[in-house]
Amino acid sequence: MTQSKHETERKYEPATRGTGGLPDLTGVGPVASVTEAASEKLDAVYHDTEDLRLVATSA
């Protein structure tokens, strides 16, 4: 039996200051620690039919 999962990929850009985007963090207080984020390698593989039916329908 095959199992499938529906996934939607979206990209977001932060809003400009003063438009409800990023909060103003002035006066929040001292920072306990700062660490470097780990690097991750991500792969995306897209499958389609030979005649590219999925691309044609924007699926």
N, C-alpha and C. Protein backbone atom coordinates (compact mmCIF):
# COMPACT_ATOMS: atom_id res chain seq x y z
N MET A 1 0.84 -1.18 0.00
CA MET A 1 0.00 0.00 0.00
C MET A 1 0.89 1.25 0.00
N THR A 2 0.57 2.20 -0.84
CA THR A 2 1.34 3.43 -0.94
C THR A 2 0.75 4.50 -0.05
N GLN A 3 1.62 5.25 0.58
CA GLN A 3 1.17 6.34 1.45
C GLN A 3 1.58 7.66 0.81
N SER A 4 0.68 8.61 0.76
CA SER A 4 1.03 9.91 0.17
C SER A 4 0.78 11.01 1.18
N LYS A 5 1.47 12.12 0.98
CA LYS A 5 1.35 13.26 1.87
C LYS A 5 1.27 14.52 1.02
N HIS A 6 0.31 15.37 1.28
CA HIS A 6 0.17 16.63 0.55
C HIS A 6 1.00 17.69 1.26
N GLU A 7 1.81 18.40 0.52
CA GLU A 7 2.65 19.45 1.09
C GLU A 7 2.51 20.70 0.24
N THR A 8 2.38 21.84 0.90
CA THR A 8 2.30 23.12 0.21
C THR A 8 3.52 23.95 0.60
N GLU A 9 4.25 24.41 -0.39
CA GLU A 9 5.43 25.22 -0.13
C GLU A 9 5.08 26.68 -0.35
N ARG A 10 5.36 27.51 0.66
CA ARG A 10 5.09 28.94 0.57
C ARG A 10 6.31 29.71 1.02
N LYS A 11 6.48 30.89 0.46
CA LYS A 11 7.59 31.76 0.85
C LYS A 11 7.00 33.06 1.37
N TYR A 12 7.53 33.55 2.47
CA TYR A 12 7.03 34.77 3.09
C TYR A 12 8.15 35.79 3.21
N GLU A 13 7.80 37.03 3.05
CA GLU A 13 8.72 38.14 3.24
C GLU A 13 8.22 38.95 4.44
N PRO A 14 9.12 39.42 5.31
CA PRO A 14 8.66 40.22 6.45
C PRO A 14 8.10 41.56 5.98
N ALA A 15 7.09 42.02 6.68
CA ALA A 15 6.51 43.33 6.36
C ALA A 15 7.49 44.42 6.79
N THR A 16 7.37 45.60 6.23
CA THR A 16 8.24 46.70 6.62
C THR A 16 7.83 47.20 8.00
N ARG A 17 8.76 47.83 8.68
CA ARG A 17 8.54 48.32 10.05
C ARG A 17 7.34 49.27 10.08
N GLY A 18 6.51 49.13 11.11
CA GLY A 18 5.37 50.01 11.27
C GLY A 18 4.11 49.51 10.59
N THR A 19 4.18 48.33 9.97
CA THR A 19 2.99 47.82 9.29
C THR A 19 2.49 46.53 9.94
N GLY A 20 2.87 46.30 11.18
CA GLY A 20 2.42 45.08 11.85
C GLY A 20 3.30 43.88 11.59
N GLY A 21 4.49 44.10 11.03
CA GLY A 21 5.39 43.00 10.73
C GLY A 21 6.19 42.58 11.94
N LEU A 22 7.45 42.89 11.96
CA LEU A 22 8.32 42.51 13.06
C LEU A 22 8.09 43.42 14.26
N PRO A 23 8.05 42.86 15.47
CA PRO A 23 7.82 43.69 16.65
C PRO A 23 9.03 44.53 17.00
N ASP A 24 8.80 45.64 17.68
CA ASP A 24 9.88 46.49 18.16
C ASP A 24 10.42 45.85 19.44
N LEU A 25 11.67 45.45 19.44
CA LEU A 25 12.26 44.77 20.58
C LEU A 25 13.11 45.70 21.45
N THR A 26 13.00 47.00 21.24
CA THR A 26 13.74 47.96 22.05
C THR A 26 13.32 47.82 23.50
N GLY A 27 14.28 47.70 24.41
CA GLY A 27 13.99 47.63 25.84
C GLY A 27 13.53 46.28 26.34
N VAL A 28 13.68 45.25 25.55
CA VAL A 28 13.25 43.92 25.98
C VAL A 28 14.09 43.42 27.15
N GLY A 29 15.34 43.77 27.18
CA GLY A 29 16.20 43.33 28.28
C GLY A 29 17.44 42.64 27.75
N PRO A 30 18.29 42.19 28.67
CA PRO A 30 19.54 41.56 28.25
C PRO A 30 19.30 40.20 27.59
N VAL A 31 20.25 39.84 26.75
CA VAL A 31 20.20 38.55 26.06
C VAL A 31 20.99 37.55 26.88
N ALA A 32 20.38 36.40 27.20
CA ALA A 32 21.04 35.39 28.02
C ALA A 32 22.20 34.74 27.28
N SER A 33 22.02 34.42 26.01
CA SER A 33 23.08 33.81 25.22
C SER A 33 22.75 33.90 23.74
N VAL A 34 23.80 33.80 22.94
CA VAL A 34 23.64 33.81 21.49
C VAL A 34 24.41 32.62 20.95
N THR A 35 23.77 31.82 20.14
CA THR A 35 24.44 30.68 19.53
C THR A 35 24.24 30.74 18.03
N GLU A 36 25.17 30.15 17.31
CA GLU A 36 25.07 30.11 15.86
C GLU A 36 24.11 28.99 15.46
N ALA A 37 23.24 29.28 14.53
CA ALA A 37 22.29 28.27 14.07
C ALA A 37 23.03 27.19 13.28
N ALA A 38 22.57 25.97 13.44
CA ALA A 38 23.17 24.87 12.70
C ALA A 38 22.78 24.98 11.23
N SER A 39 23.69 24.57 10.38
CA SER A 39 23.44 24.59 8.94
C SER A 39 22.67 23.33 8.55
N GLU A 40 21.68 23.49 7.71
CA GLU A 40 20.90 22.34 7.25
C GLU A 40 20.90 22.31 5.73
N LYS A 41 20.99 21.11 5.17
CA LYS A 41 20.91 20.93 3.72
C LYS A 41 19.53 20.37 3.42
N LEU A 42 18.77 21.10 2.62
CA LEU A 42 17.43 20.67 2.27
C LEU A 42 17.37 20.33 0.79
N ASP A 43 16.64 19.30 0.46
CA ASP A 43 16.44 18.90 -0.93
C ASP A 43 14.95 18.87 -1.23
N ALA A 44 14.59 19.30 -2.40
CA ALA A 44 13.21 19.21 -2.86
C ALA A 44 13.23 18.49 -4.20
N VAL A 45 12.43 17.45 -4.31
CA VAL A 45 12.34 16.69 -5.54
C VAL A 45 10.91 16.77 -6.04
N TYR A 46 10.75 17.17 -7.28
CA TYR A 46 9.43 17.31 -7.87
C TYR A 46 9.28 16.28 -8.98
N HIS A 47 8.17 15.59 -8.99
CA HIS A 47 7.90 14.56 -9.98
C HIS A 47 6.74 14.98 -10.86
N ASP A 48 6.79 14.62 -12.12
CA ASP A 48 5.73 14.95 -13.07
C ASP A 48 5.61 13.82 -14.08
N THR A 49 4.61 13.88 -14.90
CA THR A 49 4.45 12.90 -15.96
C THR A 49 5.37 13.27 -17.12
N GLU A 50 5.56 12.34 -18.07
CA GLU A 50 6.43 12.62 -19.21
C GLU A 50 5.99 13.84 -20.00
N ASP A 51 4.68 14.03 -20.11
CA ASP A 51 4.18 15.18 -20.89
C ASP A 51 3.96 16.42 -20.02
N LEU A 52 4.49 16.42 -18.80
CA LEU A 52 4.47 17.56 -17.87
C LEU A 52 3.05 18.06 -17.55
N ARG A 53 2.13 17.14 -17.33
CA ARG A 53 0.74 17.51 -17.02
C ARG A 53 0.62 18.28 -15.71
N LEU A 54 1.42 17.95 -14.71
CA LEU A 54 1.32 18.67 -13.43
C LEU A 54 1.77 20.12 -13.57
N VAL A 55 2.83 20.35 -14.28
CA VAL A 55 3.30 21.72 -14.52
C VAL A 55 2.25 22.51 -15.29
N ALA A 56 1.63 21.89 -16.27
CA ALA A 56 0.62 22.56 -17.09
C ALA A 56 -0.59 23.00 -16.28
N THR A 57 -0.91 22.28 -15.21
CA THR A 57 -2.07 22.63 -14.39
C THR A 57 -1.68 23.38 -13.13
N SER A 58 -0.42 23.76 -12.99
CA SER A 58 0.09 24.45 -11.80
C SER A 58 -0.14 23.65 -10.52
N ALA A 59 -0.10 22.34 -10.62
CA ALA A 59 -0.34 21.49 -9.45
C ALA A 59 0.85 21.51 -8.52
